[in-house]
Amino acid sequence: MTFGNRLKILRLSHDMTQLDLAKKINLSKANVSKYEANLVEPNLETLSLMSDLFDVSVDYLLGLTEDKLSTPIGSEYKSTDEDLKFALFGDIEIDDEVMTEVKDYARFVAERKKKQKPE
């Protein structure tokens, strides 16, 4: 589900008009309309305000999960290659060869840091 669709569903489920939502998070009605039409994406501050307003996680707003609530810190959540790809490259399509290079480099940096630790 796209961000715009998810936002519209949340807004309507809270009996809000686009103008109501805009006023609550200090935006213009036009911005809310553009978000719902997937013409523009909100910045992090706006995502955070929407997340708080609707009491859902940012991941849920973005359509990355069907779980409305955030995964608690320290829980059993394990990131996947897809999570890593999204965090590093966003919507850019990355093949397995590039991911292998990224992981190899991360291991290299980790090993270098271990060697630099004072004993």
PDB file of N, CA and C in Angstrom:
ATOM      1  N   MET A   1       0.848  -1.182   0.000  1.00  0.00           N
ATOM      2  CA  MET A   1       0.000   0.000   0.000  1.00  0.00           C
ATOM      3  C   MET A   1       0.889   1.240   0.000  1.00  0.00           C
ATOM      4  N   THR A   2       0.525   2.226  -0.769  1.00  0.00           N
ATOM      5  CA  THR A   2       1.326   3.443  -0.849  1.00  0.00           C
ATOM      6  C   THR A   2       1.083   4.333   0.373  1.00  0.00           C
ATOM      7  N   PHE A   3       2.032   5.222   0.603  1.00  0.00           N
ATOM      8  CA  PHE A   3       1.891   6.172   1.700  1.00  0.00           C
ATOM      9  C   PHE A   3       0.602   6.973   1.567  1.00  0.00           C
ATOM     10  N   GLY A   4       0.323   7.478   0.360  1.00  0.00           N
ATOM     11  CA  GLY A   4      -0.874   8.293   0.138  1.00  0.00           C
ATOM     12  C   GLY A   4      -2.157   7.556   0.483  1.00  0.00           C
ATOM     13  N   ASN A   5      -2.241   6.298   0.068  1.00  0.00           N
ATOM     14  CA  ASN A   5      -3.434   5.494   0.384  1.00  0.00           C
ATOM     15  C   ASN A   5      -3.566   5.277   1.886  1.00  0.00           C
ATOM     16  N   ARG A   6      -2.445   4.949   2.509  1.00  0.00           N
ATOM     17  CA  ARG A   6      -2.465   4.700   3.957  1.00  0.00           C
ATOM     18  C   ARG A   6      -2.869   5.964   4.698  1.00  0.00           C
ATOM     19  N   LEU A   7      -2.337   7.117   4.281  1.00  0.00           N
ATOM     20  CA  LEU A   7      -2.671   8.384   4.929  1.00  0.00           C
ATOM     21  C   LEU A   7      -4.157   8.680   4.802  1.00  0.00           C
ATOM     22  N   LYS A   8      -4.699   8.489   3.619  1.00  0.00           N
ATOM     23  CA  LYS A   8      -6.124   8.770   3.405  1.00  0.00           C
ATOM     24  C   LYS A   8      -6.998   7.870   4.272  1.00  0.00           C
ATOM     25  N   ILE A   9      -6.659   6.595   4.332  1.00  0.00           N
ATOM     26  CA  ILE A   9      -7.426   5.651   5.158  1.00  0.00           C
ATOM     27  C   ILE A   9      -7.375   6.068   6.624  1.00  0.00           C
ATOM     28  N   LEU A  10      -6.183   6.415   7.109  1.00  0.00           N
ATOM     29  CA  LEU A  10      -6.055   6.848   8.509  1.00  0.00           C
ATOM     30  C   LEU A  10      -6.846   8.123   8.766  1.00  0.00           C
ATOM     31  N   ARG A  11      -6.727   9.072   7.858  1.00  0.00           N
ATOM     32  CA  ARG A  11      -7.434  10.349   8.017  1.00  0.00           C
ATOM     33  C   ARG A  11      -8.944  10.118   8.085  1.00  0.00           C
ATOM     34  N   LEU A  12      -9.469   9.333   7.147  1.00  0.00           N
ATOM     35  CA  LEU A  12     -10.918   9.078   7.120  1.00  0.00           C
ATOM     36  C   LEU A  12     -11.370   8.271   8.341  1.00  0.00           C
ATOM     37  N   SER A  13     -10.526   7.343   8.784  1.00  0.00           N
ATOM     38  CA  SER A  13     -10.902   6.541   9.961  1.00  0.00           C
ATOM     39  C   SER A  13     -10.931   7.384  11.232  1.00  0.00           C
ATOM     40  N   HIS A  14     -10.298   8.548  11.190  1.00  0.00           N
ATOM     41  CA  HIS A  14     -10.330   9.485  12.316  1.00  0.00           C
ATOM     42  C   HIS A  14     -11.313  10.633  12.060  1.00  0.00           C
ATOM     43  N   ASP A  15     -12.186  10.424  11.074  1.00  0.00           N
ATOM     44  CA  ASP A  15     -13.223  11.412  10.727  1.00  0.00           C
ATOM     45  C   ASP A  15     -12.653  12.807  10.512  1.00  0.00           C
ATOM     46  N   MET A  16     -11.562  12.871   9.761  1.00  0.00           N
ATOM     47  CA  MET A  16     -10.926  14.159   9.469  1.00  0.00           C
ATOM     48  C   MET A  16     -11.031  14.474   7.982  1.00  0.00           C
ATOM     49  N   THR A  17     -11.183  15.750   7.688  1.00  0.00           N
ATOM     50  CA  THR A  17     -11.061  16.204   6.309  1.00  0.00           C
ATOM     51  C   THR A  17      -9.576  16.483   6.059  1.00  0.00           C
ATOM     52  N   GLN A  18      -9.224  16.715   4.820  1.00  0.00           N
ATOM     53  CA  GLN A  18      -7.840  17.093   4.526  1.00  0.00           C
ATOM     54  C   GLN A  18      -7.477  18.382   5.261  1.00  0.00           C
ATOM     55  N   LEU A  19      -8.431  19.306   5.337  1.00  0.00           N
ATOM     56  CA  LEU A  19      -8.192  20.566   6.036  1.00  0.00           C
ATOM     57  C   LEU A  19      -7.985  20.341   7.531  1.00  0.00           C
ATOM     58  N   ASP A  20      -8.782  19.444   8.124  1.00  0.00           N
ATOM     59  CA  ASP A  20      -8.610  19.124   9.548  1.00  0.00           C
ATOM     60  C   ASP A  20      -7.197  18.618   9.820  1.00  0.00           C
ATOM     61  N   LEU A  21      -6.755  17.670   8.989  1.00  0.00           N
ATOM     62  CA  LEU A  21      -5.421  17.104   9.165  1.00  0.00           C
ATOM     63  C   LEU A  21      -4.363  18.187   8.979  1.00  0.00           C
ATOM     64  N   ALA A  22      -4.524  18.990   7.953  1.00  0.00           N
ATOM     65  CA  ALA A  22      -3.556  20.053   7.673  1.00  0.00           C
ATOM     66  C   ALA A  22      -3.408  20.985   8.874  1.00  0.00           C
ATOM     67  N   LYS A  23      -4.516  21.372   9.476  1.00  0.00           N
ATOM     68  CA  LYS A  23      -4.471  22.272  10.625  1.00  0.00           C
ATOM     69  C   LYS A  23      -3.782  21.623  11.822  1.00  0.00           C
ATOM     70  N   LYS A  24      -4.040  20.336  12.030  1.00  0.00           N
ATOM     71  CA  LYS A  24      -3.474  19.652  13.191  1.00  0.00           C
ATOM     72  C   LYS A  24      -1.956  19.535  13.126  1.00  0.00           C
ATOM     73  N   ILE A  25      -1.417  19.459  11.913  1.00  0.00           N
ATOM     74  CA  ILE A  25       0.043  19.298  11.806  1.00  0.00           C
ATOM     75  C   ILE A  25       0.700  20.483  11.088  1.00  0.00           C
ATOM     76  N   ASN A  26      -0.035  21.591  11.045  1.00  0.00           N
ATOM     77  CA  ASN A  26       0.502  22.857  10.541  1.00  0.00           C
ATOM     78  C   ASN A  26       0.986  22.774   9.089  1.00  0.00           C
ATOM     79  N   LEU A  27       0.110  22.255   8.227  1.00  0.00           N
ATOM     80  CA  LEU A  27       0.377  22.167   6.796  1.00  0.00           C
ATOM     81  C   LEU A  27      -0.746  22.858   6.040  1.00  0.00           C
ATOM     82  N   SER A  28      -0.578  22.954   4.734  1.00  0.00           N
ATOM     83  CA  SER A  28      -1.679  23.440   3.900  1.00  0.00           C
ATOM     84  C   SER A  28      -2.511  22.239   3.462  1.00  0.00           C
ATOM     85  N   LYS A  29      -3.779  22.485   3.164  1.00  0.00           N
ATOM     86  CA  LYS A  29      -4.650  21.431   2.643  1.00  0.00           C
ATOM     87  C   LYS A  29      -4.073  20.891   1.338  1.00  0.00           C
ATOM     88  N   ALA A  30      -3.454  21.770   0.550  1.00  0.00           N
ATOM     89  CA  ALA A  30      -2.857  21.346  -0.722  1.00  0.00           C
ATOM     90  C   ALA A  30      -1.763  20.305  -0.503  1.00  0.00           C
ATOM     91  N   ASN A  31      -0.957  20.484   0.557  1.00  0.00           N
ATOM     92  CA  ASN A  31       0.095  19.496   0.843  1.00  0.00           C
ATOM     93  C   ASN A  31      -0.509  18.138   1.177  1.00  0.00           C
ATOM     94  N   VAL A  32      -1.541  18.132   2.004  1.00  0.00           N
ATOM     95  CA  VAL A  32      -2.189  16.871   2.366  1.00  0.00           C
ATOM     96  C   VAL A  32      -2.730  16.201   1.104  1.00  0.00           C
ATOM     97  N   SER A  33      -3.352  16.979   0.254  1.00  0.00           N
ATOM     98  CA  SER A  33      -3.880  16.452  -1.004  1.00  0.00           C
ATOM     99  C   SER A  33      -2.767  15.844  -1.864  1.00  0.00           C
ATOM    100  N   LYS A  34      -1.642  16.521  -1.942  1.00  0.00           N
ATOM    101  CA  LYS A  34      -0.505  16.013  -2.724  1.00  0.00           C
ATOM    102  C   LYS A  34       0.064  14.738  -2.118  1.00  0.00           C
ATOM    103  N   TYR A  35       0.102  14.666  -0.780  1.00  0.00           N
ATOM    104  CA  TYR A  35       0.563  13.438  -0.129  1.00  0.00           C
ATOM    105  C   TYR A  35      -0.357  12.273  -0.489  1.00  0.00           C
ATOM    106  N   GLU A  36      -1.655  12.505  -0.381  1.00  0.00           N
ATOM    107  CA  GLU A  36      -2.613  11.430  -0.643  1.00  0.00           C
ATOM    108  C   GLU A  36      -2.609  11.003  -2.112  1.00  0.00           C
ATOM    109  N   ALA A  37      -2.257  11.898  -2.994  1.00  0.00           N
ATOM    110  CA  ALA A  37      -2.181  11.581  -4.426  1.00  0.00           C
ATOM    111  C   ALA A  37      -0.799  11.028  -4.795  1.00  0.00           C
ATOM    112  N   ASN A  38       0.070  10.883  -3.807  1.00  0.00           N
ATOM    113  CA  ASN A  38       1.440  10.401  -4.022  1.00  0.00           C
ATOM    114  C   ASN A  38       2.228  11.276  -4.994  1.00  0.00           C
ATOM    115  N   LEU A  39       1.957  12.578  -4.957  1.00  0.00           N
ATOM    116  CA  LEU A  39       2.678  13.513  -5.815  1.00  0.00           C
ATOM    117  C   LEU A  39       3.947  14.026  -5.140  1.00  0.00           C
ATOM    118  N   VAL A  40       3.894  14.136  -3.818  1.00  0.00           N
ATOM    119  CA  VAL A  40       5.062  14.537  -3.031  1.00  0.00           C
ATOM    120  C   VAL A  40       5.121  13.670  -1.782  1.00  0.00           C
ATOM    121  N   GLU A  41       6.300  13.636  -1.175  1.00  0.00           N
ATOM    122  CA  GLU A  41       6.489  12.875   0.056  1.00  0.00           C
ATOM    123  C   GLU A  41       6.766  13.832   1.212  1.00  0.00           C
ATOM    124  N   PRO A  42       6.252  13.518   2.382  1.00  0.00           N
ATOM    125  CA  PRO A  42       6.486  14.395   3.538  1.00  0.00           C
ATOM    126  C   PRO A  42       7.917  14.280   4.042  1.00  0.00           C
ATOM    127  N   ASN A  43       8.369  15.316   4.729  1.00  0.00           N
ATOM    128  CA  ASN A  43       9.690  15.244   5.353  1.00  0.00           C
ATOM    129  C   ASN A  43       9.588  14.448   6.660  1.00  0.00           C
ATOM    130  N   LEU A  44      10.714  14.212   7.291  1.00  0.00           N
ATOM    131  CA  LEU A  44      10.730  13.390   8.511  1.00  0.00           C
ATOM    132  C   LEU A  44       9.927  14.001   9.645  1.00  0.00           C
ATOM    133  N   GLU A  45       9.989  15.306   9.788  1.00  0.00           N
ATOM    134  CA  GLU A  45       9.229  15.973  10.850  1.00  0.00           C
ATOM    135  C   GLU A  45       7.727  15.754  10.649  1.00  0.00           C
ATOM    136  N   THR A  46       7.266  15.903   9.417  1.00  0.00           N
ATOM    137  CA  THR A  46       5.847  15.707   9.123  1.00  0.00           C
ATOM    138  C   THR A  46       5.438  14.261   9.339  1.00  0.00           C
ATOM    139  N   LEU A  47       6.289  13.319   8.921  1.00  0.00           N
ATOM    140  CA  LEU A  47       6.002  11.900   9.169  1.00  0.00           C
ATOM    141  C   LEU A  47       5.878  11.623  10.656  1.00  0.00           C
ATOM    142  N   SER A  48       6.764  12.218  11.428  1.00  0.00           N
ATOM    143  CA  SER A  48       6.727  12.026  12.872  1.00  0.00           C
ATOM    144  C   SER A  48       5.438  12.590  13.476  1.00  0.00           C
ATOM    145  N   LEU A  49       5.030  13.771  13.024  1.00  0.00           N
ATOM    146  CA  LEU A  49       3.784  14.371  13.518  1.00  0.00           C
ATOM    147  C   LEU A  49       2.579  13.500  13.164  1.00  0.00           C
ATOM    148  N   MET A  50       2.556  12.984  11.953  1.00  0.00           N
ATOM    149  CA  MET A  50       1.447  12.114  11.526  1.00  0.00           C
ATOM    150  C   MET A  50       1.444  10.825  12.337  1.00  0.00           C
ATOM    151  N   SER A  51       2.626  10.270  12.555  1.00  0.00           N
ATOM    152  CA  SER A  51       2.756   9.051  13.331  1.00  0.00           C
ATOM    153  C   SER A  51       2.180   9.241  14.738  1.00  0.00           C
ATOM    154  N   ASP A  52       2.530  10.352  15.366  1.00  0.00           N
ATOM    155  CA  ASP A  52       2.015  10.655  16.709  1.00  0.00           C
ATOM    156  C   ASP A  52       0.506  10.895  16.683  1.00  0.00           C
ATOM    157  N   LEU A  53       0.053  11.642  15.707  1.00  0.00           N
ATOM    158  CA  LEU A  53      -1.364  11.980  15.611  1.00  0.00           C
ATOM    159  C   LEU A  53      -2.235  10.733  15.466  1.00  0.00           C
ATOM    160  N   PHE A  54      -1.822   9.826  14.586  1.00  0.00           N
ATOM    161  CA  PHE A  54      -2.620   8.630  14.310  1.00  0.00           C
ATOM    162  C   PHE A  54      -2.240   7.447  15.198  1.00  0.00           C
ATOM    163  N   ASP A  55      -1.217   7.642  16.044  1.00  0.00           N
ATOM    164  CA  ASP A  55      -0.742   6.598  16.947  1.00  0.00           C
ATOM    165  C   ASP A  55      -0.356   5.326  16.190  1.00  0.00           C
ATOM    166  N   VAL A  56       0.447   5.520  15.147  1.00  0.00           N
ATOM    167  CA  VAL A  56       0.982   4.414  14.361  1.00  0.00           C
ATOM    168  C   VAL A  56       2.469   4.653  14.145  1.00  0.00           C
ATOM    169  N   SER A  57       3.181   3.628  13.747  1.00  0.00           N
ATOM    170  CA  SER A  57       4.608   3.791  13.473  1.00  0.00           C
ATOM    171  C   SER A  57       4.812   4.448  12.110  1.00  0.00           C
ATOM    172  N   VAL A  58       5.968   5.040  11.927  1.00  0.00           N
ATOM    173  CA  VAL A  58       6.320   5.622  10.633  1.00  0.00           C
ATOM    174  C   VAL A  58       6.383   4.511   9.586  1.00  0.00           C
ATOM    175  N   ASP A  59       6.885   3.345   9.956  1.00  0.00           N
ATOM    176  CA  ASP A  59       6.926   2.218   9.021  1.00  0.00           C
ATOM    177  C   ASP A  59       5.526   1.873   8.519  1.00  0.00           C
ATOM    178  N   TYR A  60       4.556   1.920   9.413  1.00  0.00           N
ATOM    179  CA  TYR A  60       3.176   1.648   9.006  1.00  0.00           C
ATOM    180  C   TYR A  60       2.692   2.725   8.041  1.00  0.00           C
ATOM    181  N   LEU A  61       2.946   3.981   8.364  1.00  0.00           N
ATOM    182  CA  LEU A  61       2.552   5.069   7.466  1.00  0.00           C
ATOM    183  C   LEU A  61       3.140   4.891   6.077  1.00  0.00           C
ATOM    184  N   LEU A  62       4.391   4.472   6.011  1.00  0.00           N
ATOM    185  CA  LEU A  62       5.078   4.324   4.734  1.00  0.00           C
ATOM    186  C   LEU A  62       4.702   3.046   3.995  1.00  0.00           C
ATOM    187  N   GLY A  63       3.897   2.212   4.637  1.00  0.00           N
ATOM    188  CA  GLY A  63       3.474   0.971   3.991  1.00  0.00           C
ATOM    189  C   GLY A  63       4.516  -0.125   4.044  1.00  0.00           C
ATOM    190  N   LEU A  64       5.480   0.008   4.968  1.00  0.00           N
ATOM    191  CA  LEU A  64       6.544  -0.985   5.076  1.00  0.00           C
ATOM    192  C   LEU A  64       6.155  -2.161   5.959  1.00  0.00           C
ATOM    193  N   THR A  65       5.104  -1.978   6.746  1.00  0.00           N
ATOM    194  CA  THR A  65       4.627  -3.039   7.628  1.00  0.00           C
ATOM    195  C   THR A  65       3.116  -2.914   7.771  1.00  0.00           C
ATOM    196  N   GLU A  66       2.498  -4.012   8.139  1.00  0.00           N
ATOM    197  CA  GLU A  66       1.069  -3.985   8.434  1.00  0.00           C
ATOM    198  C   GLU A  66       0.822  -3.826   9.936  1.00  0.00           C
ATOM    199  N   ASP A  67       1.916  -3.854  10.721  1.00  0.00           N
ATOM    200  CA  ASP A  67       1.810  -3.653  12.165  1.00  0.00           C
ATOM    201  C   ASP A  67       1.738  -2.164  12.447  1.00  0.00           C
ATOM    202  N   LYS A  68       0.670  -1.741  13.094  1.00  0.00           N
ATOM    203  CA  LYS A  68       0.484  -0.305  13.339  1.00  0.00           C
ATOM    204  C   LYS A  68       1.484   0.260  14.335  1.00  0.00           C
ATOM    205  N   LEU A  69       1.954  -0.563  15.247  1.00  0.00           N
ATOM    206  CA  LEU A  69       2.851  -0.068  16.286  1.00  0.00           C
ATOM    207  C   LEU A  69       4.293  -0.386  15.948  1.00  0.00           C
ATOM    208  N   SER A  70       5.185   0.423  16.464  1.00  0.00           N
ATOM    209  CA  SER A  70       6.616   0.221  16.253  1.00  0.00           C
ATOM    210  C   SER A  70       7.085  -1.031  16.967  1.00  0.00           C
ATOM    211  N   THR A  71       8.159  -1.596  16.464  1.00  0.00           N
ATOM    212  CA  THR A  71       8.802  -2.707  17.141  1.00  0.00           C
ATOM    213  C   THR A  71       9.611  -2.140  18.297  1.00  0.00           C
ATOM    214  N   PRO A  72       9.373  -2.618  19.515  1.00  0.00           N
ATOM    215  CA  PRO A  72      10.100  -2.073  20.662  1.00  0.00           C
ATOM    216  C   PRO A  72      11.605  -2.275  20.529  1.00  0.00           C
ATOM    217  N   ILE A  73      12.356  -1.334  21.045  1.00  0.00           N
ATOM    218  CA  ILE A  73      13.810  -1.442  21.045  1.00  0.00           C
ATOM    219  C   ILE A  73      14.195  -2.642  21.907  1.00  0.00           C
ATOM    220  N   GLY A  74      15.124  -3.433  21.414  1.00  0.00           N
ATOM    221  CA  GLY A  74      15.569  -4.603  22.158  1.00  0.00           C
ATOM    222  C   GLY A  74      14.706  -5.822  21.924  1.00  0.00           C
ATOM    223  N   SER A  75      13.739  -5.732  21.013  1.00  0.00           N
ATOM    224  CA  SER A  75      12.881  -6.882  20.754  1.00  0.00           C
ATOM    225  C   SER A  75      13.614  -7.859  19.848  1.00  0.00           C
ATOM    226  N   GLU A  76      12.918  -8.863  19.437  1.00  0.00           N
ATOM    227  CA  GLU A  76      13.499  -9.911  18.606  1.00  0.00           C
ATOM    228  C   GLU A  76      13.530  -9.563  17.132  1.00  0.00           C
ATOM    229  N   TYR A  77      13.239  -8.338  16.762  1.00  0.00           N
ATOM    230  CA  TYR A  77      13.231  -7.945  15.349  1.00  0.00           C
ATOM    231  C   TYR A  77      14.626  -8.099  14.754  1.00  0.00           C
ATOM    232  N   LYS A  78      14.690  -8.722  13.598  1.00  0.00           N
ATOM    233  CA  LYS A  78      15.943  -8.872  12.869  1.00  0.00           C
ATOM    234  C   LYS A  78      15.782  -8.184  11.524  1.00  0.00           C
ATOM    235  N   SER A  79      16.731  -7.334  11.184  1.00  0.00           N
ATOM    236  CA  SER A  79      16.642  -6.646   9.905  1.00  0.00           C
ATOM    237  C   SER A  79      16.949  -7.623   8.776  1.00  0.00           C
ATOM    238  N   THR A  80      16.428  -7.323   7.623  1.00  0.00           N
ATOM    239  CA  THR A  80      16.631  -8.158   6.449  1.00  0.00           C
ATOM    240  C   THR A  80      17.466  -7.393   5.431  1.00  0.00           C
ATOM    241  N   ASP A  81      17.894  -8.100   4.392  1.00  0.00           N
ATOM    242  CA  ASP A  81      18.606  -7.426   3.310  1.00  0.00           C
ATOM    243  C   ASP A  81      17.730  -6.339   2.705  1.00  0.00           C
ATOM    244  N   GLU A  82      16.424  -6.570   2.631  1.00  0.00           N
ATOM    245  CA  GLU A  82      15.523  -5.560   2.075  1.00  0.00           C
ATOM    246  C   GLU A  82      15.514  -4.307   2.946  1.00  0.00           C
ATOM    247  N   ASP A  83      15.545  -4.474   4.266  1.00  0.00           N
ATOM    248  CA  ASP A  83      15.617  -3.325   5.172  1.00  0.00           C
ATOM    249  C   ASP A  83      16.907  -2.545   4.936  1.00  0.00           C
ATOM    250  N   LEU A  84      18.004  -3.281   4.823  1.00  0.00           N
ATOM    251  CA  LEU A  84      19.303  -2.656   4.608  1.00  0.00           C
ATOM    252  C   LEU A  84      19.344  -1.918   3.270  1.00  0.00           C
ATOM    253  N   LYS A  85      18.833  -2.570   2.230  1.00  0.00           N
ATOM    254  CA  LYS A  85      18.792  -1.924   0.912  1.00  0.00           C
ATOM    255  C   LYS A  85      18.010  -0.619   0.985  1.00  0.00           C
ATOM    256  N   PHE A  86      16.840  -0.654   1.637  1.00  0.00           N
ATOM    257  CA  PHE A  86      16.012   0.544   1.721  1.00  0.00           C
ATOM    258  C   PHE A  86      16.706   1.636   2.527  1.00  0.00           C
ATOM    259  N   ALA A  87      17.330   1.247   3.631  1.00  0.00           N
ATOM    260  CA  ALA A  87      18.004   2.233   4.479  1.00  0.00           C
ATOM    261  C   ALA A  87      19.161   2.909   3.750  1.00  0.00           C
ATOM    262  N   LEU A  88      19.885   2.139   2.971  1.00  0.00           N
ATOM    263  CA  LEU A  88      21.057   2.685   2.288  1.00  0.00           C
ATOM    264  C   LEU A  88      20.745   3.349   0.950  1.00  0.00           C
ATOM    265  N   PHE A  89      19.789   2.776   0.214  1.00  0.00           N
ATOM    266  CA  PHE A  89      19.588   3.207  -1.165  1.00  0.00           C
ATOM    267  C   PHE A  89      18.177   3.691  -1.488  1.00  0.00           C
ATOM    268  N   GLY A  90      17.265   3.625  -0.525  1.00  0.00           N
ATOM    269  CA  GLY A  90      15.894   4.068  -0.784  1.00  0.00           C
ATOM    270  C   GLY A  90      15.245   3.228  -1.867  1.00  0.00           C
ATOM    271  N   ASP A  91      14.666   3.888  -2.851  1.00  0.00           N
ATOM    272  CA  ASP A  91      13.933   3.198  -3.915  1.00  0.00           C
ATOM    273  C   ASP A  91      14.810   2.751  -5.080  1.00  0.00           C
ATOM    274  N   ILE A  92      16.115   2.986  -4.995  1.00  0.00           N
ATOM    275  CA  ILE A  92      17.011   2.585  -6.075  1.00  0.00           C
ATOM    276  C   ILE A  92      17.164   1.067  -6.044  1.00  0.00           C
ATOM    277  N   GLU A  93      16.979   0.434  -7.176  1.00  0.00           N
ATOM    278  CA  GLU A  93      17.083  -1.028  -7.270  1.00  0.00           C
ATOM    279  C   GLU A  93      18.543  -1.447  -7.149  1.00  0.00           C
ATOM    280  N   ILE A  94      18.840  -2.321  -6.199  1.00  0.00           N
ATOM    281  CA  ILE A  94      20.197  -2.782  -5.944  1.00  0.00           C
ATOM    282  C   ILE A  94      20.236  -4.293  -6.122  1.00  0.00           C
ATOM    283  N   ASP A  95      21.209  -4.780  -6.884  1.00  0.00           N
ATOM    284  CA  ASP A  95      21.292  -6.227  -7.105  1.00  0.00           C
ATOM    285  C   ASP A  95      22.103  -6.905  -5.997  1.00  0.00           C
ATOM    286  N   ASP A  96      22.102  -8.242  -6.019  1.00  0.00           N
ATOM    287  CA  ASP A  96      22.775  -9.018  -4.976  1.00  0.00           C
ATOM    288  C   ASP A  96      24.277  -8.774  -4.946  1.00  0.00           C
ATOM    289  N   GLU A  97      24.888  -8.533  -6.096  1.00  0.00           N
ATOM    290  CA  GLU A  97      26.332  -8.286  -6.152  1.00  0.00           C
ATOM    291  C   GLU A  97      26.702  -7.029  -5.367  1.00  0.00           C
ATOM    292  N   VAL A  98      25.908  -5.973  -5.527  1.00  0.00           N
ATOM    293  CA  VAL A  98      26.171  -4.734  -4.796  1.00  0.00           C
ATOM    294  C   VAL A  98      25.973  -4.965  -3.298  1.00  0.00           C
ATOM    295  N   MET A  99      24.939  -5.700  -2.930  1.00  0.00           N
ATOM    296  CA  MET A  99      24.704  -5.975  -1.502  1.00  0.00           C
ATOM    297  C   MET A  99      25.858  -6.766  -0.893  1.00  0.00           C
ATOM    298  N   THR A 100      26.408  -7.702  -1.657  1.00  0.00           N
ATOM    299  CA  THR A 100      27.557  -8.465  -1.173  1.00  0.00           C
ATOM    300  C   THR A 100      28.732  -7.535  -0.929  1.00  0.00           C
ATOM    301  N   GLU A 101      28.970  -6.590  -1.834  1.00  0.00           N
ATOM    302  CA  GLU A 101      30.048  -5.613  -1.659  1.00  0.00           C
ATOM    303  C   GLU A 101      29.820  -4.764  -0.409  1.00  0.00           C
ATOM    304  N   VAL A 102      28.584  -4.332  -0.202  1.00  0.00           N
ATOM    305  CA  VAL A 102      28.251  -3.511   0.961  1.00  0.00           C
ATOM    306  C   VAL A 102      28.531  -4.292   2.248  1.00  0.00           C
ATOM    307  N   LYS A 103      28.094  -5.542   2.300  1.00  0.00           N
ATOM    308  CA  LYS A 103      28.310  -6.361   3.493  1.00  0.00           C
ATOM    309  C   LYS A 103      29.801  -6.624   3.721  1.00  0.00           C
ATOM    310  N   ASP A 104      30.531  -6.906   2.638  1.00  0.00           N
ATOM    311  CA  ASP A 104      31.970  -7.135   2.755  1.00  0.00           C
ATOM    312  C   ASP A 104      32.666  -5.892   3.304  1.00  0.00           C
ATOM    313  N   TYR A 105      32.275  -4.743   2.814  1.00  0.00           N
ATOM    314  CA  TYR A 105      32.883  -3.497   3.297  1.00  0.00           C
ATOM    315  C   TYR A 105      32.546  -3.269   4.769  1.00  0.00           C
ATOM    316  N   ALA A 106      31.300  -3.549   5.145  1.00  0.00           N
ATOM    317  CA  ALA A 106      30.902  -3.380   6.550  1.00  0.00           C
ATOM    318  C   ALA A 106      31.724  -4.297   7.452  1.00  0.00           C
ATOM    319  N   ARG A 107      31.952  -5.537   7.020  1.00  0.00           N
ATOM    320  CA  ARG A 107      32.781  -6.462   7.803  1.00  0.00           C
ATOM    321  C   ARG A 107      34.220  -5.942   7.908  1.00  0.00           C
ATOM    322  N   PHE A 108      34.739  -5.421   6.808  1.00  0.00           N
ATOM    323  CA  PHE A 108      36.091  -4.850   6.796  1.00  0.00           C
ATOM    324  C   PHE A 108      36.206  -3.711   7.803  1.00  0.00           C
ATOM    325  N   VAL A 109      35.247  -2.797   7.794  1.00  0.00           N
ATOM    326  CA  VAL A 109      35.267  -1.658   8.712  1.00  0.00           C
ATOM    327  C   VAL A 109      35.165  -2.147  10.161  1.00  0.00           C
ATOM    328  N   ALA A 110      34.302  -3.116  10.421  1.00  0.00           N
ATOM    329  CA  ALA A 110      34.145  -3.649  11.775  1.00  0.00           C
ATOM    330  C   ALA A 110      35.450  -4.274  12.270  1.00  0.00           C
ATOM    331  N   GLU A 111      36.102  -5.046  11.420  1.00  0.00           N
ATOM    332  CA  GLU A 111      37.368  -5.673  11.804  1.00  0.00           C
ATOM    333  C   GLU A 111      38.439  -4.619  12.072  1.00  0.00           C
ATOM    334  N   ARG A 112      38.491  -3.597  11.242  1.00  0.00           N
ATOM    335  CA  ARG A 112      39.465  -2.518  11.423  1.00  0.00           C
ATOM    336  C   ARG A 112      39.222  -1.819  12.765  1.00  0.00           C
ATOM    337  N   LYS A 113      37.953  -1.578  13.096  1.00  0.00           N
ATOM    338  CA  LYS A 113      37.617  -0.925  14.370  1.00  0.00           C
ATOM    339  C   LYS A 113      38.022  -1.798  15.553  1.00  0.00           C
ATOM    340  N   LYS A 114      37.835  -3.115  15.447  1.00  0.00           N
ATOM    341  CA  LYS A 114      38.216  -4.020  16.528  1.00  0.00           C
ATOM    342  C   LYS A 114      39.715  -3.949  16.789  1.00  0.00           C
ATOM    343  N   LYS A 115      40.480  -3.861  15.697  1.00  0.00           N
ATOM    344  CA  LYS A 115      41.937  -3.806  15.824  1.00  0.00           C
ATOM    345  C   LYS A 115      42.413  -2.495  16.425  1.00  0.00           C
ATOM    346  N   GLN A 116      41.633  -1.437  16.276  1.00  0.00           N
ATOM    347  CA  GLN A 116      42.009  -0.117  16.789  1.00  0.00           C
ATOM    348  C   GLN A 116      41.680   0.049  18.275  1.00  0.00           C
ATOM    349  N   LYS A 117      40.884  -0.845  18.829  1.00  0.00           N
ATOM    350  CA  LYS A 117      40.493  -0.728  20.235  1.00  0.00           C
ATOM    351  C   LYS A 117      41.716  -0.860  21.132  1.00  0.00           C
ATOM    352  N   PRO A 118      41.868   0.064  22.090  1.00  0.00           N
ATOM    353  CA  PRO A 118      42.976  -0.072  23.058  1.00  0.00           C
ATOM    354  C   PRO A 118      42.673  -1.215  24.014  1.00  0.00           C
ATOM    355  N   GLU A 119      43.716  -1.947  24.374  1.00  0.00           N
ATOM    356  CA  GLU A 119      43.508  -3.100  25.258  1.00  0.00           C
ATOM    357  C   GLU A 119      43.904  -2.823  26.659  1.00  0.00           C
TER     358      GLU A 119
END
